[in-house]
C-alpha atoms as a PDB file:
ATOM      1  CA  MET A   1       0.000   0.000   0.000  1.00  0.00           C
ATOM      2  CA  PRO A   2       1.394   3.447  -0.852  1.00  0.00           C
ATOM      3  CA  ASN A   3       2.250   5.873   1.887  1.00  0.00           C
ATOM      4  CA  LEU A   4      -0.631   8.360   2.214  1.00  0.00           C
ATOM      5  CA  LEU A   5       1.865  11.207   2.594  1.00  0.00           C
ATOM      6  CA  GLN A   6       3.291  10.479  -0.853  1.00  0.00           C
ATOM      7  CA  PHE A   7       0.080  11.035  -2.809  1.00  0.00           C
ATOM      8  CA  GLU A   8       0.287  13.597  -5.566  1.00  0.00           C
ATOM      9  CA  LEU A   9      -2.471  15.241  -7.546  1.00  0.00           C
ATOM     10  CA  THR A  10      -2.097  13.060 -10.615  1.00  0.00           C
ATOM     11  CA  GLY A  11      -5.715  12.707 -11.688  1.00  0.00           C
ATOM     12  CA  THR A  12      -6.645   9.376 -13.168  1.00  0.00           C
ATOM     13  CA  GLY A  13      -3.955   7.200 -14.636  1.00  0.00           C
ATOM     14  CA  SER A  14      -0.292   8.126 -14.714  1.00  0.00           C
ATOM     15  CA  THR A  15      -0.610  11.449 -16.516  1.00  0.00           C
ATOM     16  CA  PRO A  16       0.198  14.656 -14.629  1.00  0.00           C
ATOM     17  CA  TYR A  17      -2.653  16.481 -12.972  1.00  0.00           C
ATOM     18  CA  ASP A  18      -4.598  18.669 -15.390  1.00  0.00           C
ATOM     19  CA  PRO A  19      -7.167  21.000 -13.786  1.00  0.00           C
ATOM     20  CA  VAL A  20      -9.091  21.234 -17.054  1.00  0.00           C
ATOM     21  CA  MET A  21      -9.555  17.483 -17.205  1.00  0.00           C
ATOM     22  CA  ASN A  22     -10.299  17.159 -13.504  1.00  0.00           C
ATOM     23  CA  ALA A  23     -12.977  19.579 -12.318  1.00  0.00           C
ATOM     24  CA  ASN A  24     -12.486  18.863  -8.619  1.00  0.00           C
ATOM     25  CA  PRO A  25      -8.982  17.777  -7.601  1.00  0.00           C
ATOM     26  CA  LEU A  26     -10.097  17.575  -3.968  1.00  0.00           C
ATOM     27  CA  ASP A  27     -12.573  14.813  -4.856  1.00  0.00           C
ATOM     28  CA  GLU A  28      -9.918  13.006  -6.863  1.00  0.00           C
ATOM     29  CA  LEU A  29      -7.440  13.132  -3.969  1.00  0.00           C
ATOM     30  CA  ILE A  30     -10.038  11.885  -1.486  1.00  0.00           C
ATOM     31  CA  ASN A  31     -11.090   9.075  -3.832  1.00  0.00           C
ATOM     32  CA  GLN A  32      -7.460   8.109  -4.327  1.00  0.00           C
ATOM     33  CA  VAL A  33      -6.948   7.856  -0.570  1.00  0.00           C
ATOM     34  CA  LEU A  34     -10.209   5.950  -0.072  1.00  0.00           C
ATOM     35  CA  ARG A  35      -9.309   3.436  -2.800  1.00  0.00           C
ATOM     36  CA  ASN A  36      -6.090   2.684  -0.929  1.00  0.00           C
ATOM     37  CA  LEU A  37      -7.579   2.276   2.550  1.00  0.00           C
ATOM     38  CA  PRO A  38      -6.677  -1.003   4.218  1.00  0.00           C
ATOM     39  CA  ALA A  39      -9.514  -3.550   4.237  1.00  0.00           C
ATOM     40  CA  GLY A  40     -10.089  -3.084   7.974  1.00  0.00           C
ATOM     41  CA  LEU A  41     -10.747   0.630   7.527  1.00  0.00           C
ATOM     42  CA  GLN A  42     -13.221   0.267   4.664  1.00  0.00           C
ATOM     43  CA  THR A  43     -16.041   0.139   7.221  1.00  0.00           C
ATOM     44  CA  LEU A  44     -14.988   3.614   8.362  1.00  0.00           C
ATOM     45  CA  ARG A  45     -14.958   4.915   4.793  1.00  0.00           C
ATOM     46  CA  THR A  46     -17.765   7.471   5.290  1.00  0.00           C
ATOM     47  CA  ASP A  47     -16.177   8.909   8.434  1.00  0.00           C
ATOM     48  CA  VAL A  48     -12.734   9.035   6.820  1.00  0.00           C
ATOM     49  CA  GLU A  49     -14.147  10.753   3.745  1.00  0.00           C
ATOM     50  CA  ARG A  50     -16.117  13.332   5.765  1.00  0.00           C
ATOM     51  CA  ASN A  51     -13.199  14.134   8.081  1.00  0.00           C
ATOM     52  CA  MET A  52     -10.687  14.261   5.268  1.00  0.00           C
ATOM     53  CA  ARG A  53     -12.880  16.582   3.180  1.00  0.00           C
ATOM     54  CA  ALA A  54     -13.443  18.923   6.145  1.00  0.00           C
ATOM     55  CA  THR A  55      -9.737  19.011   6.966  1.00  0.00           C
ATOM     56  CA  LEU A  56      -8.632  19.637   3.379  1.00  0.00           C
ATOM     57  CA  GLU A  57     -11.286  22.298   2.764  1.00  0.00           C
ATOM     58  CA  ALA A  58     -10.334  24.108   5.979  1.00  0.00           C
ATOM     59  CA  GLY A  59      -6.674  24.036   4.971  1.00  0.00           C
ATOM     60  CA  LEU A  60      -7.394  25.308   1.472  1.00  0.00           C
ATOM     61  CA  ARG A  61      -9.495  28.171   2.819  1.00  0.00           C
ATOM     62  CA  HIS A  62      -6.415  29.480   4.644  1.00  0.00           C
ATOM     63  CA  LEU A  63      -4.375  29.633   1.429  1.00  0.00           C
ATOM     64  CA  ASP A  64      -4.365  32.737  -0.709  1.00  0.00           C
ATOM     65  CA  LEU A  65      -5.607  31.096  -3.935  1.00  0.00           C
ATOM     66  CA  VAL A  66      -7.228  32.513  -7.039  1.00  0.00           C
ATOM     67  CA  THR A  67      -9.087  30.797  -9.847  1.00  0.00           C
ATOM     68  CA  ARG A  68      -7.452  30.203 -13.211  1.00  0.00           C
ATOM     69  CA  GLN A  69      -9.799  32.806 -14.717  1.00  0.00           C
ATOM     70  CA  GLU A  70      -8.801  35.451 -12.144  1.00  0.00           C
ATOM     71  CA  PHE A  71      -5.138  34.637 -12.749  1.00  0.00           C
ATOM     72  CA  GLU A  72      -5.499  34.991 -16.518  1.00  0.00           C
ATOM     73  CA  VAL A  73      -7.303  38.349 -16.162  1.00  0.00           C
ATOM     74  CA  GLN A  74      -4.501  39.667 -13.949  1.00  0.00           C
ATOM     75  CA  GLN A  75      -1.915  38.315 -16.381  1.00  0.00           C
ATOM     76  CA  GLN A  76      -3.593  40.181 -19.260  1.00  0.00           C
ATOM     77  CA  LEU A  77      -3.713  43.381 -17.206  1.00  0.00           C
ATOM     78  CA  LEU A  78      -0.023  43.052 -16.410  1.00  0.00           C
ATOM     79  CA  GLU A  79       0.865  42.489 -20.069  1.00  0.00           C
ATOM     80  CA  ARG A  80      -1.149  45.577 -21.039  1.00  0.00           C
ATOM     81  CA  ALA A  81       0.536  47.672 -18.339  1.00  0.00           C
ATOM     82  CA  GLN A  82       3.971  46.473 -19.470  1.00  0.00           C
ATOM     83  CA  LEU A  83       3.157  47.453 -23.056  1.00  0.00           C
ATOM     84  CA  GLN A  84       1.966  50.900 -21.953  1.00  0.00           C
ATOM     85  CA  LEU A  85       5.128  51.340 -19.893  1.00  0.00           C
ATOM     86  CA  LYS A  86       7.289  50.454 -22.884  1.00  0.00           C
ATOM     87  CA  VAL A  87       5.452  53.011 -25.055  1.00  0.00           C
ATOM     88  CA  LEU A  88       5.851  55.701 -22.374  1.00  0.00           C
ATOM     89  CA  GLU A  89       9.551  54.910 -21.969  1.00  0.00           C
ATOM     90  CA  GLU A  90      10.036  55.284 -25.733  1.00  0.00           C
ATOM     91  CA  LYS A  91       8.182  58.627 -25.728  1.00  0.00           C
ATOM     92  CA  LEU A  92      10.274  59.826 -22.797  1.00  0.00           C
ATOM     93  CA  ALA A  93      13.479  58.806 -24.543  1.00  0.00           C
ATOM     94  CA  SER A  94      12.477  60.689 -27.685  1.00  0.00           C
ATOM     95  CA  LEU A  95      11.542  63.803 -25.657  1.00  0.00           C
ATOM     96  CA  GLU A  96      14.868  63.670 -23.817  1.00  0.00           C
ATOM     97  CA  THR A  97      16.643  63.445 -27.162  1.00  0.00           C
ATOM     98  CA  LEU A  98      14.780  66.558 -28.401  1.00  0.00           C
ATOM     99  CA  ILE A  99      15.620  68.481 -25.224  1.00  0.00           C
ATOM    100  CA  ASN A 100      19.306  67.561 -25.348  1.00  0.00           C
ATOM    101  CA  LYS A 101      19.756  68.792 -28.937  1.00  0.00           C
END
């Protein structure tokens, strides 16, 4: 049986975890742990699942996470700001050249 501390978010199969393919990685992780419970603990499956879900959700709430969509919006805003900065730097350089002549 694998060590429960060594589980990684791999989704199904041996391919790396892909959030697009796996809508809820928390469910996948819990299912992975539950599939690997020793036979004697299978009777406690519901309690293990409930407690594990509560613990993981509480831990995730304390992290400063954003959705992929929020991340992509911020990335686009940053790219736009960088482009505007580059344009302003070029204008400033040309104005400095005019002043120094």
